[in-house]
Amino acid sequence: MKLLIEPINKNNLYEETVDGIILPLKDYAVESIISFSLAEIKDIVKNSECEIFIKINKNLLNEDIEDLTNILKEIDKLNIKGIFFYDLAVLELKKELDLKVDLVWNQTHMVNNYRTCDYYYNHGVKYALLGKEITLDEIIEIINKSKITSMVEVVSKPSVAFSKRKLVTNYYKDLGKEVNNDIVVKEKVTDTNYEFIEDSNGTSIFLDKITNGTSVIKDLYEAKCEYIIFREYGIDNFRELVIDTKKYIEDKCRDDKYISKYKKLGDSTNFFFKKTIYRVKK
């Protein structure tokens, strides 16, 4: 099992601690706190011994294709482990350009069953970032039954939606207030807080609560999950967490003190133990 992280500081990538790093590509990544230019990514790849993944997960416009084609050609020359993609144009460009770089299917809520994972695997996709809305049992079923290499986001302040609209700007302007780039909103029915963060691409929406999946790492390890992901945003003492997690994995997840220690991240396990059930309202 390998530990991937998505950092929030360009000067602190934890390269000496983790197995791999996810780098959101400037102008082509959403639901991230920072992004990296292609030049910055090239420099990191040149000097790092970690596995490097690039995130290209926004809905693409026709006007993006020419520029993205050139970018993908440059990326393909680098020692990149894979590209997280949302828009199927990335998959089509990989085929058209005969690129060697591997892809990570990253269509959020749609990555939820082993048959669809196998469909993408048969179309040349090596990895899948499994949806955050499925249970641990469902995750393990995909790991066991699909040929695709599964990745699971285990600790994060999870992203739940994205809009190209400038929702935060419109909110503040409508109230006649000075515009900031973020706001926390309470959803009244479930009494749940969501954080809205706006950048040049649009508005990313995060659950304003940390998903603490440290207790499921052992189950994922035993199921032979190849990658787990920690996203740094919103998490204090992140370096200590990743150091302890690497030791925990290397010790074959046998240290119960690790689980006790990281109860401090909170008791939210999101959907790991909670099924999503849809009912018709009468």
C-alpha atoms as a PDB file:
ATOM      1  CA  MET A   1       0.000   0.000   0.000  1.00  0.00           C
ATOM      2  CA  LYS A   2       1.286   3.445  -0.969  1.00  0.00           C
ATOM      3  CA  LEU A   3       0.434   6.815   0.553  1.00  0.00           C
ATOM      4  CA  LEU A   4      -0.369   9.691  -1.812  1.00  0.00           C
ATOM      5  CA  ILE A   5      -0.944  13.221  -0.607  1.00  0.00           C
ATOM      6  CA  GLU A   6      -2.328  16.411  -2.099  1.00  0.00           C
ATOM      7  CA  PRO A   7      -0.459  19.306  -0.438  1.00  0.00           C
ATOM      8  CA  ILE A   8      -1.526  22.898   0.176  1.00  0.00           C
ATOM      9  CA  ASN A   9       1.920  24.532   0.165  1.00  0.00           C
ATOM     10  CA  LYS A  10       4.305  24.517  -2.776  1.00  0.00           C
ATOM     11  CA  ASN A  11       7.243  24.769  -0.389  1.00  0.00           C
ATOM     12  CA  ASN A  12       6.246  21.714   1.616  1.00  0.00           C
ATOM     13  CA  LEU A  13       5.510  18.643  -0.500  1.00  0.00           C
ATOM     14  CA  TYR A  14       6.513  16.004   2.101  1.00  0.00           C
ATOM     15  CA  GLU A  15       8.646  14.245  -0.534  1.00  0.00           C
ATOM     16  CA  GLU A  16      10.902  12.651   2.063  1.00  0.00           C
ATOM     17  CA  THR A  17       7.907  11.107   3.835  1.00  0.00           C
ATOM     18  CA  VAL A  18       5.270   9.937   1.342  1.00  0.00           C
ATOM     19  CA  ASP A  19       5.215   7.607  -1.659  1.00  0.00           C
ATOM     20  CA  GLY A  20       3.598  10.020  -4.066  1.00  0.00           C
ATOM     21  CA  ILE A  21       2.261  13.531  -4.613  1.00  0.00           C
ATOM     22  CA  ILE A  22      -0.791  14.779  -6.498  1.00  0.00           C
ATOM     23  CA  LEU A  23      -0.095  18.075  -8.300  1.00  0.00           C
ATOM     24  CA  PRO A  24      -3.142  19.994  -9.605  1.00  0.00           C
ATOM     25  CA  LEU A  25      -2.326  21.557 -13.003  1.00  0.00           C
ATOM     26  CA  LYS A  26      -2.844  25.306 -13.206  1.00  0.00           C
ATOM     27  CA  ASP A  27      -6.014  26.275 -15.140  1.00  0.00           C
ATOM     28  CA  TYR A  28      -7.022  22.621 -15.536  1.00  0.00           C
ATOM     29  CA  ALA A  29      -7.672  21.457 -11.961  1.00  0.00           C
ATOM     30  CA  VAL A  30     -10.599  22.205  -9.674  1.00  0.00           C
ATOM     31  CA  GLU A  31     -11.497  21.388  -6.060  1.00  0.00           C
ATOM     32  CA  SER A  32      -7.908  22.048  -4.986  1.00  0.00           C
ATOM     33  CA  ILE A  33      -6.329  24.737  -2.817  1.00  0.00           C
ATOM     34  CA  ILE A  34      -3.188  25.279  -4.898  1.00  0.00           C
ATOM     35  CA  SER A  35      -2.120  24.518  -8.451  1.00  0.00           C
ATOM     36  CA  PHE A  36       1.177  24.132 -10.291  1.00  0.00           C
ATOM     37  CA  SER A  37       2.290  25.398 -13.679  1.00  0.00           C
ATOM     38  CA  LEU A  38       3.720  22.907 -16.138  1.00  0.00           C
ATOM     39  CA  ALA A  39       7.160  24.433 -15.573  1.00  0.00           C
ATOM     40  CA  GLU A  40       6.843  23.921 -11.814  1.00  0.00           C
ATOM     41  CA  ILE A  41       5.737  20.319 -12.337  1.00  0.00           C
ATOM     42  CA  LYS A  42       8.715  19.653 -14.613  1.00  0.00           C
ATOM     43  CA  ASP A  43      11.058  20.975 -11.941  1.00  0.00           C
ATOM     44  CA  ILE A  44       9.453  18.834  -9.216  1.00  0.00           C
ATOM     45  CA  VAL A  45       9.608  15.689 -11.370  1.00  0.00           C
ATOM     46  CA  LYS A  46      13.249  16.346 -12.160  1.00  0.00           C
ATOM     47  CA  ASN A  47      14.227  16.610  -8.502  1.00  0.00           C
ATOM     48  CA  SER A  48      11.855  14.196  -6.778  1.00  0.00           C
ATOM     49  CA  GLU A  49      12.055  10.466  -6.139  1.00  0.00           C
ATOM     50  CA  CYS A  50       8.336  10.286  -5.334  1.00  0.00           C
ATOM     51  CA  GLU A  51       5.654   9.069  -7.682  1.00  0.00           C
ATOM     52  CA  ILE A  52       4.090  12.141  -9.281  1.00  0.00           C
ATOM     53  CA  PHE A  53       0.462  12.297 -10.358  1.00  0.00           C
ATOM     54  CA  ILE A  54      -1.055  15.317 -12.129  1.00  0.00           C
ATOM     55  CA  LYS A  55      -4.655  16.397 -11.621  1.00  0.00           C
ATOM     56  CA  ILE A  56      -6.573  17.562 -14.724  1.00  0.00           C
ATOM     57  CA  ASN A  57     -10.149  17.328 -13.495  1.00  0.00           C
ATOM     58  CA  LYS A  58     -12.178  20.244 -14.818  1.00  0.00           C
ATOM     59  CA  ASN A  59     -14.877  20.106 -17.471  1.00  0.00           C
ATOM     60  CA  LEU A  60     -13.083  21.094 -20.656  1.00  0.00           C
ATOM     61  CA  LEU A  61     -14.233  23.567 -23.285  1.00  0.00           C
ATOM     62  CA  ASN A  62     -13.542  23.302 -27.007  1.00  0.00           C
ATOM     63  CA  GLU A  63     -11.159  26.216 -26.652  1.00  0.00           C
ATOM     64  CA  ASP A  64      -9.086  24.239 -24.112  1.00  0.00           C
ATOM     65  CA  ILE A  65      -8.320  21.306 -26.403  1.00  0.00           C
ATOM     66  CA  GLU A  66      -5.463  22.727 -28.458  1.00  0.00           C
ATOM     67  CA  ASP A  67      -3.581  23.969 -25.414  1.00  0.00           C
ATOM     68  CA  LEU A  68      -4.256  20.779 -23.467  1.00  0.00           C
ATOM     69  CA  THR A  69      -3.019  18.691 -26.403  1.00  0.00           C
ATOM     70  CA  ASN A  70       0.334  20.455 -26.249  1.00  0.00           C
ATOM     71  CA  ILE A  71       0.454  20.102 -22.465  1.00  0.00           C
ATOM     72  CA  LEU A  72      -0.247  16.367 -22.614  1.00  0.00           C
ATOM     73  CA  LYS A  73       2.532  15.904 -25.150  1.00  0.00           C
ATOM     74  CA  GLU A  74       4.928  17.612 -22.745  1.00  0.00           C
ATOM     75  CA  ILE A  75       3.673  15.609 -19.769  1.00  0.00           C
ATOM     76  CA  ASP A  76       4.172  12.381 -21.703  1.00  0.00           C
ATOM     77  CA  LYS A  77       7.903  13.129 -21.889  1.00  0.00           C
ATOM     78  CA  LEU A  78       8.150  13.299 -18.103  1.00  0.00           C
ATOM     79  CA  ASN A  79       8.471  10.543 -15.519  1.00  0.00           C
ATOM     80  CA  ILE A  80       4.832  10.898 -14.472  1.00  0.00           C
ATOM     81  CA  LYS A  81       2.978   8.053 -12.800  1.00  0.00           C
ATOM     82  CA  GLY A  82      -0.476   9.111 -13.921  1.00  0.00           C
ATOM     83  CA  ILE A  83      -3.033  11.814 -14.692  1.00  0.00           C
ATOM     84  CA  PHE A  84      -6.261  12.190 -12.706  1.00  0.00           C
ATOM     85  CA  PHE A  85      -8.955  13.032 -15.270  1.00  0.00           C
ATOM     86  CA  TYR A  86     -12.632  13.968 -15.178  1.00  0.00           C
ATOM     87  CA  ASP A  87     -13.445  15.009 -18.733  1.00  0.00           C
ATOM     88  CA  LEU A  88     -13.418  12.151 -21.245  1.00  0.00           C
ATOM     89  CA  ALA A  89     -11.542  14.390 -23.675  1.00  0.00           C
ATOM     90  CA  VAL A  90      -8.380  13.487 -21.746  1.00  0.00           C
ATOM     91  CA  LEU A  91      -8.974   9.788 -22.420  1.00  0.00           C
ATOM     92  CA  GLU A  92      -9.671  10.475 -26.102  1.00  0.00           C
ATOM     93  CA  LEU A  93      -6.517  12.589 -26.426  1.00  0.00           C
ATOM     94  CA  LYS A  94      -4.457   9.815 -24.842  1.00  0.00           C
ATOM     95  CA  LYS A  95      -5.704   7.478 -27.559  1.00  0.00           C
ATOM     96  CA  GLU A  96      -5.368   9.944 -30.437  1.00  0.00           C
ATOM     97  CA  LEU A  97      -1.859  11.011 -29.436  1.00  0.00           C
ATOM     98  CA  ASP A  98      -0.786   7.475 -28.455  1.00  0.00           C
ATOM     99  CA  LEU A  99       0.446   8.727 -25.075  1.00  0.00           C
ATOM    100  CA  LYS A 100       2.308   6.405 -22.710  1.00  0.00           C
ATOM    101  CA  VAL A 101       1.239   8.137 -19.492  1.00  0.00           C
ATOM    102  CA  ASP A 102      -1.337   6.243 -17.412  1.00  0.00           C
ATOM    103  CA  LEU A 103      -4.708   7.689 -16.406  1.00  0.00           C
ATOM    104  CA  VAL A 104      -6.705   7.778 -13.166  1.00  0.00           C
ATOM    105  CA  TRP A 105     -10.482   7.761 -13.645  1.00  0.00           C
ATOM    106  CA  ASN A 106     -11.635  10.571 -11.344  1.00  0.00           C
ATOM    107  CA  GLN A 107     -15.303  11.198 -12.081  1.00  0.00           C
ATOM    108  CA  THR A 108     -16.203  11.535  -8.394  1.00  0.00           C
ATOM    109  CA  HIS A 109     -19.724  10.155  -7.788  1.00  0.00           C
ATOM    110  CA  MET A 110     -19.657   7.863 -10.848  1.00  0.00           C
ATOM    111  CA  VAL A 111     -16.743   5.665  -9.710  1.00  0.00           C
ATOM    112  CA  ASN A 112     -18.886   3.327  -7.673  1.00  0.00           C
ATOM    113  CA  ASN A 113     -18.921  -0.225  -9.076  1.00  0.00           C
ATOM    114  CA  TYR A 114     -16.493  -2.828 -10.391  1.00  0.00           C
ATOM    115  CA  ARG A 115     -18.187  -3.359 -13.762  1.00  0.00           C
ATOM    116  CA  THR A 116     -17.801   0.288 -14.771  1.00  0.00           C
ATOM    117  CA  CYS A 117     -14.239   0.284 -13.451  1.00  0.00           C
ATOM    118  CA  ASP A 118     -13.505  -2.679 -15.708  1.00  0.00           C
ATOM    119  CA  TYR A 119     -15.112  -0.853 -18.641  1.00  0.00           C
ATOM    120  CA  TYR A 120     -12.609   1.991 -18.230  1.00  0.00           C
ATOM    121  CA  TYR A 121      -9.767  -0.455 -17.635  1.00  0.00           C
ATOM    122  CA  ASN A 122     -10.584  -2.134 -20.944  1.00  0.00           C
ATOM    123  CA  HIS A 123     -10.390   1.295 -22.600  1.00  0.00           C
ATOM    124  CA  GLY A 124      -6.868   1.910 -21.375  1.00  0.00           C
ATOM    125  CA  VAL A 125      -7.350   3.431 -17.900  1.00  0.00           C
ATOM    126  CA  LYS A 126      -5.041   1.927 -15.275  1.00  0.00           C
ATOM    127  CA  TYR A 127      -6.301   3.538 -12.048  1.00  0.00           C
ATOM    128  CA  ALA A 128      -9.581   4.650 -10.476  1.00  0.00           C
ATOM    129  CA  LEU A 129     -10.145   7.025  -7.572  1.00  0.00           C
ATOM    130  CA  LEU A 130     -13.191   5.409  -5.983  1.00  0.00           C
ATOM    131  CA  GLY A 131     -16.180   7.560  -5.106  1.00  0.00           C
ATOM    132  CA  LYS A 132     -16.449   9.036  -1.623  1.00  0.00           C
ATOM    133  CA  GLU A 133     -20.126   8.064  -1.351  1.00  0.00           C
ATOM    134  CA  ILE A 134     -19.703   4.284  -1.237  1.00  0.00           C
ATOM    135  CA  THR A 135     -19.162   2.076   1.794  1.00  0.00           C
ATOM    136  CA  LEU A 136     -16.007   0.275   2.864  1.00  0.00           C
ATOM    137  CA  ASP A 137     -17.614  -3.051   1.874  1.00  0.00           C
ATOM    138  CA  GLU A 138     -18.384  -1.689  -1.584  1.00  0.00           C
ATOM    139  CA  ILE A 139     -14.842  -0.361  -1.906  1.00  0.00           C
ATOM    140  CA  ILE A 140     -13.372  -3.747  -1.001  1.00  0.00           C
ATOM    141  CA  GLU A 141     -15.694  -5.440  -3.503  1.00  0.00           C
ATOM    142  CA  ILE A 142     -14.322  -3.190  -6.278  1.00  0.00           C
ATOM    143  CA  ILE A 143     -10.735  -3.856  -5.191  1.00  0.00           C
ATOM    144  CA  ASN A 144     -11.352  -7.609  -5.254  1.00  0.00           C
ATOM    145  CA  LYS A 145     -13.393  -7.837  -8.444  1.00  0.00           C
ATOM    146  CA  SER A 146     -12.027  -5.161 -10.781  1.00  0.00           C
ATOM    147  CA  LYS A 147      -8.847  -5.315 -12.818  1.00  0.00           C
ATOM    148  CA  ILE A 148      -8.354  -1.578 -12.307  1.00  0.00           C
ATOM    149  CA  THR A 149      -5.910  -0.319  -9.649  1.00  0.00           C
ATOM    150  CA  SER A 150      -8.037   1.284  -6.939  1.00  0.00           C
ATOM    151  CA  MET A 151      -7.259   4.457  -5.006  1.00  0.00           C
ATOM    152  CA  VAL A 152      -9.209   5.500  -1.906  1.00  0.00           C
ATOM    153  CA  GLU A 153      -9.358   8.964  -0.339  1.00  0.00           C
ATOM    154  CA  VAL A 154      -9.040   8.178   3.370  1.00  0.00           C
ATOM    155  CA  VAL A 155      -8.329  11.430   5.230  1.00  0.00           C
ATOM    156  CA  SER A 156      -9.499  14.784   3.908  1.00  0.00           C
ATOM    157  CA  LYS A 157     -11.921  17.644   4.081  1.00  0.00           C
ATOM    158  CA  PRO A 158     -13.762  16.101   1.117  1.00  0.00           C
ATOM    159  CA  SER A 159     -14.799  18.020  -1.969  1.00  0.00           C
ATOM    160  CA  VAL A 160     -18.473  17.429  -2.740  1.00  0.00           C
ATOM    161  CA  ALA A 161     -19.267  19.613  -5.770  1.00  0.00           C
ATOM    162  CA  PHE A 162     -17.977  22.205  -8.200  1.00  0.00           C
ATOM    163  CA  SER A 163     -19.650  25.006 -10.144  1.00  0.00           C
ATOM    164  CA  LYS A 164     -18.190  27.173 -12.889  1.00  0.00           C
ATOM    165  CA  ARG A 165     -20.307  30.018 -11.518  1.00  0.00           C
ATOM    166  CA  LYS A 166     -18.804  32.650  -9.237  1.00  0.00           C
ATOM    167  CA  LEU A 167     -21.136  31.694  -6.408  1.00  0.00           C
ATOM    168  CA  VAL A 168     -19.216  33.383  -3.596  1.00  0.00           C
ATOM    169  CA  THR A 169     -18.773  36.653  -5.492  1.00  0.00           C
ATOM    170  CA  ASN A 170     -22.472  36.695  -6.412  1.00  0.00           C
ATOM    171  CA  TYR A 171     -23.449  36.020  -2.797  1.00  0.00           C
ATOM    172  CA  TYR A 172     -21.441  38.916  -1.385  1.00  0.00           C
ATOM    173  CA  LYS A 173     -22.472  41.309  -4.165  1.00  0.00           C
ATOM    174  CA  ASP A 174     -26.130  40.460  -3.668  1.00  0.00           C
ATOM    175  CA  LEU A 175     -25.776  41.411   0.008  1.00  0.00           C
ATOM    176  CA  GLY A 176     -23.795  44.540  -0.847  1.00  0.00           C
ATOM    177  CA  LYS A 177     -20.804  43.278   1.127  1.00  0.00           C
ATOM    178  CA  GLU A 178     -17.086  43.264   0.373  1.00  0.00           C
ATOM    179  CA  VAL A 179     -16.242  40.183  -1.670  1.00  0.00           C
ATOM    180  CA  ASN A 180     -14.114  37.427  -0.116  1.00  0.00           C
ATOM    181  CA  ASN A 181     -13.123  34.197  -1.838  1.00  0.00           C
ATOM    182  CA  ASP A 182     -14.729  31.805   0.653  1.00  0.00           C
ATOM    183  CA  ILE A 183     -17.732  31.335   2.889  1.00  0.00           C
ATOM    184  CA  VAL A 184     -19.213  28.612   5.123  1.00  0.00           C
ATOM    185  CA  VAL A 185     -22.899  27.817   4.598  1.00  0.00           C
ATOM    186  CA  LYS A 186     -25.133  25.651   6.804  1.00  0.00           C
ATOM    187  CA  GLU A 187     -27.506  23.280   5.013  1.00  0.00           C
ATOM    188  CA  LYS A 188     -30.583  23.442   7.229  1.00  0.00           C
ATOM    189  CA  VAL A 189     -32.155  20.020   6.641  1.00  0.00           C
ATOM    190  CA  THR A 190     -29.097  18.030   7.753  1.00  0.00           C
ATOM    191  CA  ASP A 191     -27.538  20.804   9.865  1.00  0.00           C
ATOM    192  CA  THR A 192     -24.304  20.318   7.899  1.00  0.00           C
ATOM    193  CA  ASN A 193     -21.721  23.014   7.135  1.00  0.00           C
ATOM    194  CA  TYR A 194     -20.201  23.344   3.670  1.00  0.00           C
ATOM    195  CA  GLU A 195     -17.287  25.553   2.680  1.00  0.00           C
ATOM    196  CA  PHE A 196     -17.433  27.401  -0.636  1.00  0.00           C
ATOM    197  CA  ILE A 197     -14.071  28.471  -2.078  1.00  0.00           C
ATOM    198  CA  GLU A 198     -13.863  30.460  -5.299  1.00  0.00           C
ATOM    199  CA  ASP A 199     -10.983  30.818  -7.761  1.00  0.00           C
ATOM    200  CA  SER A 200     -10.564  31.679 -11.440  1.00  0.00           C
ATOM    201  CA  ASN A 201     -12.144  28.367 -12.536  1.00  0.00           C
ATOM    202  CA  GLY A 202     -15.293  28.701 -10.423  1.00  0.00           C
ATOM    203  CA  THR A 203     -16.468  27.580  -6.989  1.00  0.00           C
ATOM    204  CA  SER A 204     -15.387  24.425  -5.160  1.00  0.00           C
ATOM    205  CA  ILE A 205     -17.595  23.109  -2.362  1.00  0.00           C
ATOM    206  CA  PHE A 206     -16.087  21.154   0.531  1.00  0.00           C
ATOM    207  CA  LEU A 207     -17.675  19.395   3.466  1.00  0.00           C
ATOM    208  CA  ASP A 208     -16.587  21.531   6.424  1.00  0.00           C
ATOM    209  CA  LYS A 209     -15.631  18.462   8.443  1.00  0.00           C
ATOM    210  CA  ILE A 210     -12.655  16.126   8.239  1.00  0.00           C
ATOM    211  CA  THR A 211     -13.320  12.590   7.073  1.00  0.00           C
ATOM    212  CA  ASN A 212     -11.216  10.461   9.394  1.00  0.00           C
ATOM    213  CA  GLY A 213     -10.647   7.099   7.726  1.00  0.00           C
ATOM    214  CA  THR A 214      -7.571   6.120   9.716  1.00  0.00           C
ATOM    215  CA  SER A 215      -9.586   3.264  11.239  1.00  0.00           C
ATOM    216  CA  VAL A 216     -10.205   1.665   7.800  1.00  0.00           C
ATOM    217  CA  ILE A 217      -6.586   1.649   6.613  1.00  0.00           C
ATOM    218  CA  LYS A 218      -6.042  -1.835   8.054  1.00  0.00           C
ATOM    219  CA  ASP A 219      -9.050  -3.211   6.158  1.00  0.00           C
ATOM    220  CA  LEU A 220      -7.829  -1.590   2.939  1.00  0.00           C
ATOM    221  CA  TYR A 221      -4.331  -2.947   3.518  1.00  0.00           C
ATOM    222  CA  GLU A 222      -5.670  -6.468   3.991  1.00  0.00           C
ATOM    223  CA  ALA A 223      -7.783  -6.068   0.835  1.00  0.00           C
ATOM    224  CA  LYS A 224      -4.569  -5.164  -1.014  1.00  0.00           C
ATOM    225  CA  CYS A 225      -5.643  -1.623  -1.874  1.00  0.00           C
ATOM    226  CA  GLU A 226      -2.595  -0.194  -3.639  1.00  0.00           C
ATOM    227  CA  TYR A 227      -3.064   3.519  -2.901  1.00  0.00           C
ATOM    228  CA  ILE A 228      -4.636   5.615  -0.149  1.00  0.00           C
ATOM    229  CA  ILE A 229      -4.892   9.399  -0.403  1.00  0.00           C
ATOM    230  CA  PHE A 230      -4.612  12.106   2.245  1.00  0.00           C
ATOM    231  CA  ARG A 231      -5.482  15.704   1.303  1.00  0.00           C
ATOM    232  CA  GLU A 232      -3.792  18.248   3.517  1.00  0.00           C
ATOM    233  CA  TYR A 233      -6.347  21.061   3.414  1.00  0.00           C
ATOM    234  CA  GLY A 234      -7.960  21.636   6.825  1.00  0.00           C
ATOM    235  CA  ILE A 235      -5.750  19.153   8.699  1.00  0.00           C
ATOM    236  CA  ASP A 236      -3.386  20.322  11.449  1.00  0.00           C
ATOM    237  CA  ASN A 237       0.000  18.654  12.092  1.00  0.00           C
ATOM    238  CA  PHE A 238      -0.146  17.005   8.670  1.00  0.00           C
ATOM    239  CA  ARG A 239       3.542  16.058   8.646  1.00  0.00           C
ATOM    240  CA  GLU A 240       3.187  14.086  11.875  1.00  0.00           C
ATOM    241  CA  LEU A 241       0.106  12.355  10.474  1.00  0.00           C
ATOM    242  CA  VAL A 242       1.812  11.196   7.269  1.00  0.00           C
ATOM    243  CA  ILE A 243       4.959  10.072   9.104  1.00  0.00           C
ATOM    244  CA  ASP A 244       2.890   8.028  11.545  1.00  0.00           C
ATOM    245  CA  THR A 245       0.763   6.611   8.744  1.00  0.00           C
ATOM    246  CA  LYS A 246       3.791   5.451   6.757  1.00  0.00           C
ATOM    247  CA  LYS A 247       5.129   3.692   9.866  1.00  0.00           C
ATOM    248  CA  TYR A 248       1.710   2.147  10.472  1.00  0.00           C
ATOM    249  CA  ILE A 249       1.572   0.765   6.922  1.00  0.00           C
ATOM    250  CA  GLU A 250       5.156  -0.515   7.036  1.00  0.00           C
ATOM    251  CA  ASP A 251       4.334  -2.316  10.299  1.00  0.00           C
ATOM    252  CA  LYS A 252       1.479  -4.070   8.431  1.00  0.00           C
ATOM    253  CA  CYS A 253      -1.134  -1.944  10.245  1.00  0.00           C
ATOM    254  CA  ARG A 254      -0.648  -3.727  13.582  1.00  0.00           C
ATOM    255  CA  ASP A 255      -0.140  -0.699  15.846  1.00  0.00           C
ATOM    256  CA  ASP A 256      -3.421  -0.035  17.665  1.00  0.00           C
ATOM    257  CA  LYS A 257      -1.879   3.083  19.211  1.00  0.00           C
ATOM    258  CA  TYR A 258      -2.056   4.717  15.770  1.00  0.00           C
ATOM    259  CA  ILE A 259      -5.856   4.352  15.672  1.00  0.00           C
ATOM    260  CA  SER A 260      -6.227   5.718  19.201  1.00  0.00           C
ATOM    261  CA  LYS A 261      -3.928   8.657  18.495  1.00  0.00           C
ATOM    262  CA  TYR A 262      -5.793   9.799  15.407  1.00  0.00           C
ATOM    263  CA  LYS A 263      -9.232   9.736  16.925  1.00  0.00           C
ATOM    264  CA  LYS A 264      -8.339  13.382  17.461  1.00  0.00           C
ATOM    265  CA  LEU A 265      -9.114  13.999  13.770  1.00  0.00           C
ATOM    266  CA  GLY A 266     -12.788  13.517  14.622  1.00  0.00           C
ATOM    267  CA  ASP A 267     -15.437  10.836  14.499  1.00  0.00           C
ATOM    268  CA  SER A 268     -16.712  11.432  10.958  1.00  0.00           C
ATOM    269  CA  THR A 269     -16.108   8.402   8.743  1.00  0.00           C
ATOM    270  CA  ASN A 270     -18.346   9.868   6.018  1.00  0.00           C
ATOM    271  CA  PHE A 271     -19.806   6.975   3.972  1.00  0.00           C
ATOM    272  CA  PHE A 272     -17.358   4.212   4.921  1.00  0.00           C
ATOM    273  CA  PHE A 273     -19.991   2.676   7.201  1.00  0.00           C
ATOM    274  CA  LYS A 274     -23.138   4.417   5.943  1.00  0.00           C
ATOM    275  CA  LYS A 275     -25.058   3.242   2.895  1.00  0.00           C
ATOM    276  CA  THR A 276     -26.666   5.737   0.555  1.00  0.00           C
ATOM    277  CA  ILE A 277     -30.304   4.693   0.121  1.00  0.00           C
ATOM    278  CA  TYR A 278     -32.648   6.405  -2.320  1.00  0.00           C
ATOM    279  CA  ARG A 279     -36.392   6.246  -1.640  1.00  0.00           C
ATOM    280  CA  VAL A 280     -39.341   7.607  -3.567  1.00  0.00           C
ATOM    281  CA  LYS A 281     -41.064  10.253  -1.490  1.00  0.00           C
ATOM    282  CA  LYS A 282     -44.775   9.518  -1.077  1.00  0.00           C
END
